[in-house]
Every structure is written in C-alpha cells, then in structure tokens.
Amino acid sequence: MLLSLTDQDPTSPAVQQQIARHYANIRGFWGEQACQSKDMAKAYKGLAQLYIDDPRFTVRNGKENPEYAAFLHKAMVYFADTQILS
C-alpha cells in the first residue's frame, strides 16, 4: 500500500495513516518489552535511516528503488516527530 502512495507528500494524511499501520506492525515485531522504552521515536527514526543506508532495503522485486526508501524515511521521521511520545 505504501508503495502506491509514493507520489504523495510523505506528511499527507493518507501516507501517515499507512505509516501508523507500519509503526503498529513494527511495535508488534519488536515486542512490548522493547517498546516500553522512552526512546521509541529515536528507535523508529533509526529504522527509517536503515531503510536508506542498507541496500537490502532499497531494492524492490530485484530492482533498485532508492526513491521509495527515501519516501519511507521522510514519512517515518515525520510520524516519529509528530505522533510518538518520547
């Protein structure tokens, strides 16, 4: 779903709604104990940076797609700054 929104502003309500779903999935994967940290915004931003820095996350279906990684990064950082309480 997020891939289909890359033509939109990463801060748009539609994108942020999907990022909220992504964040909820990440929290489930990380586990509640890890998510009790006061640094969840920092951790989520770190994951966003990983999406840009690690080439495994800039390839989609065998094709380079750094624009998608950059889009995710911007959307996730905005979400962390505006929605995750530190």
PDB file of N, CA and C in Angstrom:
ATOM      1  N   MET A   1       0.820  -1.199   0.000  1.00  0.00           N
ATOM      2  CA  MET A   1       0.000   0.000   0.000  1.00  0.00           C
ATOM      3  C   MET A   1       0.862   1.259   0.000  1.00  0.00           C
ATOM      4  N   LEU A   2       1.909   1.277   0.813  1.00  0.00           N
ATOM      5  CA  LEU A   2       2.760   2.467   0.865  1.00  0.00           C
ATOM      6  C   LEU A   2       3.415   2.753  -0.477  1.00  0.00           C
ATOM      7  N   LEU A   3       3.800   1.717  -1.180  1.00  0.00           N
ATOM      8  CA  LEU A   3       4.439   1.911  -2.480  1.00  0.00           C
ATOM      9  C   LEU A   3       3.524   2.670  -3.432  1.00  0.00           C
ATOM     10  N   SER A   4       2.229   2.421  -3.348  1.00  0.00           N
ATOM     11  CA  SER A   4       1.280   3.106  -4.233  1.00  0.00           C
ATOM     12  C   SER A   4       1.092   4.577  -3.855  1.00  0.00           C
ATOM     13  N   LEU A   5       1.608   4.996  -2.710  1.00  0.00           N
ATOM     14  CA  LEU A   5       1.439   6.376  -2.249  1.00  0.00           C
ATOM     15  C   LEU A   5       2.689   7.238  -2.460  1.00  0.00           C
ATOM     16  N   THR A   6       3.704   6.705  -3.110  1.00  0.00           N
ATOM     17  CA  THR A   6       4.969   7.441  -3.231  1.00  0.00           C
ATOM     18  C   THR A   6       4.857   8.722  -4.026  1.00  0.00           C
ATOM     19  N   ASP A   7       3.775   8.907  -4.758  1.00  0.00           N
ATOM     20  CA  ASP A   7       3.592  10.159  -5.488  1.00  0.00           C
ATOM     21  C   ASP A   7       2.992  11.253  -4.599  1.00  0.00           C
ATOM     22  N   GLN A   8       2.661  10.916  -3.365  1.00  0.00           N
ATOM     23  CA  GLN A   8       2.075  11.876  -2.431  1.00  0.00           C
ATOM     24  C   GLN A   8       3.135  12.425  -1.480  1.00  0.00           C
ATOM     25  N   ASP A   9       2.792  13.507  -0.835  1.00  0.00           N
ATOM     26  CA  ASP A   9       3.649  14.098   0.200  1.00  0.00           C
ATOM     27  C   ASP A   9       3.736  13.110   1.366  1.00  0.00           C
ATOM     28  N   PRO A  10       4.962  12.798   1.833  1.00  0.00           N
ATOM     29  CA  PRO A  10       5.104  11.855   2.955  1.00  0.00           C
ATOM     30  C   PRO A  10       4.372  12.286   4.224  1.00  0.00           C
ATOM     31  N   THR A  11       4.041  13.572   4.330  1.00  0.00           N
ATOM     32  CA  THR A  11       3.335  14.063   5.520  1.00  0.00           C
ATOM     33  C   THR A  11       1.818  14.090   5.332  1.00  0.00           C
ATOM     34  N   SER A  12       1.339  13.663   4.186  1.00  0.00           N
ATOM     35  CA  SER A  12      -0.107  13.705   3.916  1.00  0.00           C
ATOM     36  C   SER A  12      -0.848  12.742   4.845  1.00  0.00           C
ATOM     37  N   PRO A  13      -2.112  13.036   5.115  1.00  0.00           N
ATOM     38  CA  PRO A  13      -2.889  12.149   5.988  1.00  0.00           C
ATOM     39  C   PRO A  13      -2.958  10.705   5.487  1.00  0.00           C
ATOM     40  N   ALA A  14      -3.093  10.497   4.196  1.00  0.00           N
ATOM     41  CA  ALA A  14      -3.188   9.138   3.653  1.00  0.00           C
ATOM     42  C   ALA A  14      -1.898   8.362   3.906  1.00  0.00           C
ATOM     43  N   VAL A  15      -0.768   9.010   3.681  1.00  0.00           N
ATOM     44  CA  VAL A  15       0.524   8.359   3.912  1.00  0.00           C
ATOM     45  C   VAL A  15       0.715   8.116   5.403  1.00  0.00           C
ATOM     46  N   GLN A  16       0.420   9.097   6.206  1.00  0.00           N
ATOM     47  CA  GLN A  16       0.614   8.954   7.649  1.00  0.00           C
ATOM     48  C   GLN A  16      -0.283   7.882   8.244  1.00  0.00           C
ATOM     49  N   GLN A  17      -1.449   7.687   7.677  1.00  0.00           N
ATOM     50  CA  GLN A  17      -2.325   6.606   8.145  1.00  0.00           C
ATOM     51  C   GLN A  17      -1.651   5.254   7.900  1.00  0.00           C
ATOM     52  N   GLN A  18      -1.026   5.100   6.753  1.00  0.00           N
ATOM     53  CA  GLN A  18      -0.340   3.841   6.455  1.00  0.00           C
ATOM     54  C   GLN A  18       0.940   3.686   7.285  1.00  0.00           C
ATOM     55  N   ILE A  19       1.606   4.796   7.550  1.00  0.00           N
ATOM     56  CA  ILE A  19       2.798   4.747   8.402  1.00  0.00           C
ATOM     57  C   ILE A  19       2.393   4.351   9.823  1.00  0.00           C
ATOM     58  N   ALA A  20       1.250   4.800  10.282  1.00  0.00           N
ATOM     59  CA  ALA A  20       0.757   4.400  11.605  1.00  0.00           C
ATOM     60  C   ALA A  20       0.557   2.881  11.649  1.00  0.00           C
ATOM     61  N   ARG A  21       0.065   2.310  10.574  1.00  0.00           N
ATOM     62  CA  ARG A  21      -0.089   0.854  10.500  1.00  0.00           C
ATOM     63  C   ARG A  21       1.281   0.177  10.512  1.00  0.00           C
ATOM     64  N   HIS A  22       2.224   0.748   9.776  1.00  0.00           N
ATOM     65  CA  HIS A  22       3.596   0.223   9.743  1.00  0.00           C
ATOM     66  C   HIS A  22       4.189   0.252  11.145  1.00  0.00           C
ATOM     67  N   TYR A  23       4.027   1.375  11.826  1.00  0.00           N
ATOM     68  CA  TYR A  23       4.558   1.518  13.178  1.00  0.00           C
ATOM     69  C   TYR A  23       3.945   0.478  14.118  1.00  0.00           C
ATOM     70  N   ALA A  24       2.651   0.264  14.008  1.00  0.00           N
ATOM     71  CA  ALA A  24       1.989  -0.744  14.846  1.00  0.00           C
ATOM     72  C   ALA A  24       2.557  -2.137  14.565  1.00  0.00           C
ATOM     73  N   ASN A  25       2.807  -2.436  13.306  1.00  0.00           N
ATOM     74  CA  ASN A  25       3.405  -3.734  12.962  1.00  0.00           C
ATOM     75  C   ASN A  25       4.815  -3.853  13.524  1.00  0.00           C
ATOM     76  N   ILE A  26       5.583  -2.795  13.432  1.00  0.00           N
ATOM     77  CA  ILE A  26       6.946  -2.801  13.967  1.00  0.00           C
ATOM     78  C   ILE A  26       6.920  -3.004  15.477  1.00  0.00           C
ATOM     79  N   ARG A  27       6.027  -2.311  16.152  1.00  0.00           N
ATOM     80  CA  ARG A  27       5.897  -2.473  17.607  1.00  0.00           C
ATOM     81  C   ARG A  27       5.577  -3.921  17.954  1.00  0.00           C
ATOM     82  N   GLY A  28       4.711  -4.553  17.178  1.00  0.00           N
ATOM     83  CA  GLY A  28       4.379  -5.953  17.410  1.00  0.00           C
ATOM     84  C   GLY A  28       5.582  -6.857  17.200  1.00  0.00           C
ATOM     85  N   PHE A  29       6.375  -6.540  16.190  1.00  0.00           N
ATOM     86  CA  PHE A  29       7.569  -7.332  15.901  1.00  0.00           C
ATOM     87  C   PHE A  29       8.620  -7.141  16.990  1.00  0.00           C
ATOM     88  N   TRP A  30       8.823  -5.898  17.433  1.00  0.00           N
ATOM     89  CA  TRP A  30       9.830  -5.617  18.455  1.00  0.00           C
ATOM     90  C   TRP A  30       9.429  -6.158  19.822  1.00  0.00           C
ATOM     91  N   GLY A  31       8.140  -6.264  20.078  1.00  0.00           N
ATOM     92  CA  GLY A  31       7.668  -6.782  21.360  1.00  0.00           C
ATOM     93  C   GLY A  31       7.423  -5.671  22.363  1.00  0.00           C
ATOM     94  N   GLU A  32       6.503  -5.935  23.254  1.00  0.00           N
ATOM     95  CA  GLU A  32       6.089  -4.917  24.225  1.00  0.00           C
ATOM     96  C   GLU A  32       7.208  -4.494  25.169  1.00  0.00           C
ATOM     97  N   GLN A  33       8.053  -5.427  25.572  1.00  0.00           N
ATOM     98  CA  GLN A  33       9.129  -5.052  26.488  1.00  0.00           C
ATOM     99  C   GLN A  33      10.052  -4.031  25.844  1.00  0.00           C
ATOM    100  N   ALA A  34      10.425  -4.257  24.615  1.00  0.00           N
ATOM    101  CA  ALA A  34      11.297  -3.310  23.901  1.00  0.00           C
ATOM    102  C   ALA A  34      10.593  -1.984  23.690  1.00  0.00           C
ATOM    103  N   CYS A  35       9.290  -2.027  23.537  1.00  0.00           N
ATOM    104  CA  CYS A  35       8.530  -0.814  23.244  1.00  0.00           C
ATOM    105  C   CYS A  35       8.209   0.019  24.481  1.00  0.00           C
ATOM    106  N   GLN A  36       8.618  -0.446  25.638  1.00  0.00           N
ATOM    107  CA  GLN A  36       8.412   0.329  26.858  1.00  0.00           C
ATOM    108  C   GLN A  36       9.445   1.449  26.983  1.00  0.00           C
ATOM    109  N   SER A  37      10.439   1.435  26.133  1.00  0.00           N
ATOM    110  CA  SER A  37      11.494   2.441  26.155  1.00  0.00           C
ATOM    111  C   SER A  37      10.926   3.825  25.877  1.00  0.00           C
ATOM    112  N   LYS A  38      11.511   4.820  26.493  1.00  0.00           N
ATOM    113  CA  LYS A  38      11.120   6.206  26.230  1.00  0.00           C
ATOM    114  C   LYS A  38      11.696   6.693  24.916  1.00  0.00           C
ATOM    115  N   ASP A  39      12.538   5.893  24.292  1.00  0.00           N
ATOM    116  CA  ASP A  39      13.217   6.306  23.067  1.00  0.00           C
ATOM    117  C   ASP A  39      12.609   5.667  21.821  1.00  0.00           C
ATOM    118  N   MET A  40      11.323   5.403  21.816  1.00  0.00           N
ATOM    119  CA  MET A  40      10.704   4.770  20.653  1.00  0.00           C
ATOM    120  C   MET A  40      10.786   5.655  19.414  1.00  0.00           C
ATOM    121  N   ALA A  41      10.651   6.959  19.573  1.00  0.00           N
ATOM    122  CA  ALA A  41      10.763   7.845  18.411  1.00  0.00           C
ATOM    123  C   ALA A  41      12.167   7.732  17.820  1.00  0.00           C
ATOM    124  N   LYS A  42      13.165   7.715  18.672  1.00  0.00           N
ATOM    125  CA  LYS A  42      14.549   7.589  18.210  1.00  0.00           C
ATOM    126  C   LYS A  42      14.762   6.236  17.527  1.00  0.00           C
ATOM    127  N   ALA A  43      14.224   5.175  18.094  1.00  0.00           N
ATOM    128  CA  ALA A  43      14.372   3.836  17.519  1.00  0.00           C
ATOM    129  C   ALA A  43      13.694   3.759  16.150  1.00  0.00           C
ATOM    130  N   TYR A  44      12.507   4.335  16.030  1.00  0.00           N
ATOM    131  CA  TYR A  44      11.775   4.303  14.757  1.00  0.00           C
ATOM    132  C   TYR A  44      12.501   5.132  13.703  1.00  0.00           C
ATOM    133  N   LYS A  45      13.069   6.252  14.116  1.00  0.00           N
ATOM    134  CA  LYS A  45      13.876   7.050  13.187  1.00  0.00           C
ATOM    135  C   LYS A  45      15.122   6.282  12.763  1.00  0.00           C
ATOM    136  N   GLY A  46      15.688   5.511  13.674  1.00  0.00           N
ATOM    137  CA  GLY A  46      16.842   4.682  13.336  1.00  0.00           C
ATOM    138  C   GLY A  46      16.488   3.639  12.288  1.00  0.00           C
ATOM    139  N   LEU A  47      15.312   3.046  12.414  1.00  0.00           N
ATOM    140  CA  LEU A  47      14.850   2.103  11.406  1.00  0.00           C
ATOM    141  C   LEU A  47      14.664   2.811  10.070  1.00  0.00           C
ATOM    142  N   ALA A  48      14.115   4.009  10.103  1.00  0.00           N
ATOM    143  CA  ALA A  48      13.944   4.791   8.871  1.00  0.00           C
ATOM    144  C   ALA A  48      15.294   5.038   8.196  1.00  0.00           C
ATOM    145  N   GLN A  49      16.306   5.340   8.993  1.00  0.00           N
ATOM    146  CA  GLN A  49      17.642   5.568   8.436  1.00  0.00           C
ATOM    147  C   GLN A  49      18.213   4.272   7.859  1.00  0.00           C
ATOM    148  N   LEU A  50      17.936   3.158   8.504  1.00  0.00           N
ATOM    149  CA  LEU A  50      18.392   1.865   7.998  1.00  0.00           C
ATOM    150  C   LEU A  50      17.811   1.597   6.615  1.00  0.00           C
ATOM    151  N   TYR A  51      16.573   1.987   6.401  1.00  0.00           N
ATOM    152  CA  TYR A  51      15.945   1.783   5.101  1.00  0.00           C
ATOM    153  C   TYR A  51      16.711   2.502   3.988  1.00  0.00           C
ATOM    154  N   ILE A  52      17.357   3.596   4.317  1.00  0.00           N
ATOM    155  CA  ILE A  52      18.156   4.328   3.328  1.00  0.00           C
ATOM    156  C   ILE A  52      19.568   3.757   3.230  1.00  0.00           C
ATOM    157  N   ASP A  53      20.159   3.451   4.359  1.00  0.00           N
ATOM    158  CA  ASP A  53      21.575   3.065   4.409  1.00  0.00           C
ATOM    159  C   ASP A  53      21.867   1.644   3.943  1.00  0.00           C
ATOM    160  N   ASP A  54      20.946   0.725   4.157  1.00  0.00           N
ATOM    161  CA  ASP A  54      21.197  -0.675   3.846  1.00  0.00           C
ATOM    162  C   ASP A  54      20.624  -0.999   2.462  1.00  0.00           C
ATOM    163  N   PRO A  55      21.472  -1.398   1.531  1.00  0.00           N
ATOM    164  CA  PRO A  55      20.997  -1.665   0.168  1.00  0.00           C
ATOM    165  C   PRO A  55      19.929  -2.751   0.085  1.00  0.00           C
ATOM    166  N   ARG A  56      19.839  -3.601   1.089  1.00  0.00           N
ATOM    167  CA  ARG A  56      18.784  -4.616   1.063  1.00  0.00           C
ATOM    168  C   ARG A  56      17.400  -3.996   1.112  1.00  0.00           C
ATOM    169  N   PHE A  57      17.302  -2.774   1.624  1.00  0.00           N
ATOM    170  CA  PHE A  57      16.008  -2.108   1.734  1.00  0.00           C
ATOM    171  C   PHE A  57      15.741  -1.126   0.599  1.00  0.00           C
ATOM    172  N   THR A  58      16.705  -0.938  -0.293  1.00  0.00           N
ATOM    173  CA  THR A  58      16.487  -0.029  -1.426  1.00  0.00           C
ATOM    174  C   THR A  58      16.194  -0.794  -2.702  1.00  0.00           C
ATOM    175  N   VAL A  59      16.083  -2.122  -2.605  1.00  0.00           N
ATOM    176  CA  VAL A  59      15.767  -2.953  -3.761  1.00  0.00           C
ATOM    177  C   VAL A  59      14.371  -3.530  -3.565  1.00  0.00           C
ATOM    178  N   ARG A  60      13.554  -3.401  -4.584  1.00  0.00           N
ATOM    179  CA  ARG A  60      12.187  -3.942  -4.539  1.00  0.00           C
ATOM    180  C   ARG A  60      11.994  -4.812  -5.772  1.00  0.00           C
ATOM    181  N   ASN A  61      11.650  -6.065  -5.575  1.00  0.00           N
ATOM    182  CA  ASN A  61      11.470  -7.016  -6.672  1.00  0.00           C
ATOM    183  C   ASN A  61      12.694  -7.073  -7.576  1.00  0.00           C
ATOM    184  N   GLY A  62      13.882  -7.011  -6.969  1.00  0.00           N
ATOM    185  CA  GLY A  62      15.123  -7.122  -7.713  1.00  0.00           C
ATOM    186  C   GLY A  62      15.576  -5.854  -8.416  1.00  0.00           C
ATOM    187  N   LYS A  63      14.858  -4.769  -8.231  1.00  0.00           N
ATOM    188  CA  LYS A  63      15.202  -3.511  -8.894  1.00  0.00           C
ATOM    189  C   LYS A  63      15.522  -2.449  -7.852  1.00  0.00           C
ATOM    190  N   GLU A  64      16.550  -1.661  -8.147  1.00  0.00           N
ATOM    191  CA  GLU A  64      16.893  -0.541  -7.266  1.00  0.00           C
ATOM    192  C   GLU A  64      15.711   0.416  -7.175  1.00  0.00           C
ATOM    193  N   ASN A  65      15.407   0.854  -5.978  1.00  0.00           N
ATOM    194  CA  ASN A  65      14.322   1.819  -5.775  1.00  0.00           C
ATOM    195  C   ASN A  65      14.655   2.713  -4.578  1.00  0.00           C
ATOM    196  N   PRO A  66      15.752   3.477  -4.674  1.00  0.00           N
ATOM    197  CA  PRO A  66      16.123   4.336  -3.548  1.00  0.00           C
ATOM    198  C   PRO A  66      15.101   5.440  -3.276  1.00  0.00           C
ATOM    199  N   GLU A  67      14.301   5.785  -4.279  1.00  0.00           N
ATOM    200  CA  GLU A  67      13.273   6.810  -4.068  1.00  0.00           C
ATOM    201  C   GLU A  67      12.234   6.338  -3.055  1.00  0.00           C
ATOM    202  N   TYR A  68      11.896   5.053  -3.114  1.00  0.00           N
ATOM    203  CA  TYR A  68      10.935   4.506  -2.163  1.00  0.00           C
ATOM    204  C   TYR A  68      11.505   4.523  -0.750  1.00  0.00           C
ATOM    205  N   ALA A  69      12.773   4.154  -0.622  1.00  0.00           N
ATOM    206  CA  ALA A  69      13.425   4.186   0.691  1.00  0.00           C
ATOM    207  C   ALA A  69      13.444   5.617   1.238  1.00  0.00           C
ATOM    208  N   ALA A  70      13.743   6.588   0.385  1.00  0.00           N
ATOM    209  CA  ALA A  70      13.763   7.992   0.816  1.00  0.00           C
ATOM    210  C   ALA A  70      12.362   8.445   1.227  1.00  0.00           C
ATOM    211  N   PHE A  71      11.355   8.028   0.474  1.00  0.00           N
ATOM    212  CA  PHE A  71       9.965   8.350   0.800  1.00  0.00           C
ATOM    213  C   PHE A  71       9.595   7.784   2.170  1.00  0.00           C
ATOM    214  N   LEU A  72       9.910   6.493   2.385  1.00  0.00           N
ATOM    215  CA  LEU A  72       9.620   5.873   3.683  1.00  0.00           C
ATOM    216  C   LEU A  72      10.327   6.602   4.810  1.00  0.00           C
ATOM    217  N   HIS A  73      11.584   6.941   4.591  1.00  0.00           N
ATOM    218  CA  HIS A  73      12.369   7.647   5.604  1.00  0.00           C
ATOM    219  C   HIS A  73      11.678   8.950   6.006  1.00  0.00           C
ATOM    220  N   LYS A  74      11.319   9.749   5.025  1.00  0.00           N
ATOM    221  CA  LYS A  74      10.665  11.033   5.318  1.00  0.00           C
ATOM    222  C   LYS A  74       9.347  10.834   6.061  1.00  0.00           C
ATOM    223  N   ALA A  75       8.555   9.869   5.607  1.00  0.00           N
ATOM    224  CA  ALA A  75       7.257   9.629   6.233  1.00  0.00           C
ATOM    225  C   ALA A  75       7.410   9.117   7.661  1.00  0.00           C
ATOM    226  N   MET A  76       8.376   8.235   7.877  1.00  0.00           N
ATOM    227  CA  MET A  76       8.586   7.672   9.211  1.00  0.00           C
ATOM    228  C   MET A  76       9.143   8.701  10.186  1.00  0.00           C
ATOM    229  N   VAL A  77      10.073   9.522   9.741  1.00  0.00           N
ATOM    230  CA  VAL A  77      10.634  10.555  10.612  1.00  0.00           C
ATOM    231  C   VAL A  77       9.553  11.562  10.992  1.00  0.00           C
ATOM    232  N   TYR A  78       8.736  11.951  10.031  1.00  0.00           N
ATOM    233  CA  TYR A  78       7.631  12.874  10.329  1.00  0.00           C
ATOM    234  C   TYR A  78       6.694  12.244  11.359  1.00  0.00           C
ATOM    235  N   PHE A  79       6.359  10.973  11.167  1.00  0.00           N
ATOM    236  CA  PHE A  79       5.479  10.280  12.111  1.00  0.00           C
ATOM    237  C   PHE A  79       6.099  10.253  13.501  1.00  0.00           C
ATOM    238  N   ALA A  80       7.372   9.899  13.561  1.00  0.00           N
ATOM    239  CA  ALA A  80       8.059   9.839  14.863  1.00  0.00           C
ATOM    240  C   ALA A  80       8.061  11.195  15.554  1.00  0.00           C
ATOM    241  N   ASP A  81       8.294  12.243  14.795  1.00  0.00           N
ATOM    242  CA  ASP A  81       8.358  13.590  15.372  1.00  0.00           C
ATOM    243  C   ASP A  81       6.999  14.114  15.815  1.00  0.00           C
ATOM    244  N   THR A  82       5.929  13.641  15.175  1.00  0.00           N
ATOM    245  CA  THR A  82       4.614  14.213  15.471  1.00  0.00           C
ATOM    246  C   THR A  82       3.665  13.290  16.237  1.00  0.00           C
ATOM    247  N   GLN A  83       3.950  11.981  16.224  1.00  0.00           N
ATOM    248  CA  GLN A  83       2.980  11.046  16.808  1.00  0.00           C
ATOM    249  C   GLN A  83       3.514  10.181  17.953  1.00  0.00           C
ATOM    250  N   ILE A  84       4.815   9.989  18.017  1.00  0.00           N
ATOM    251  CA  ILE A  84       5.352   9.118  19.056  1.00  0.00           C
ATOM    252  C   ILE A  84       5.776   9.959  20.245  1.00  0.00           C
ATOM    253  N   LEU A  85       5.195   9.696  21.362  1.00  0.00           N
ATOM    254  CA  LEU A  85       5.519  10.446  22.569  1.00  0.00           C
ATOM    255  C   LEU A  85       6.829   9.945  23.143  1.00  0.00           C
ATOM    256  N   SER A  86       7.728  10.854  23.387  1.00  0.00           N
ATOM    257  CA  SER A  86       9.033  10.481  23.965  1.00  0.00           C
ATOM    258  C   SER A  86       9.064  10.797  25.436  1.00  0.00           C
TER     259      SER A  86
END
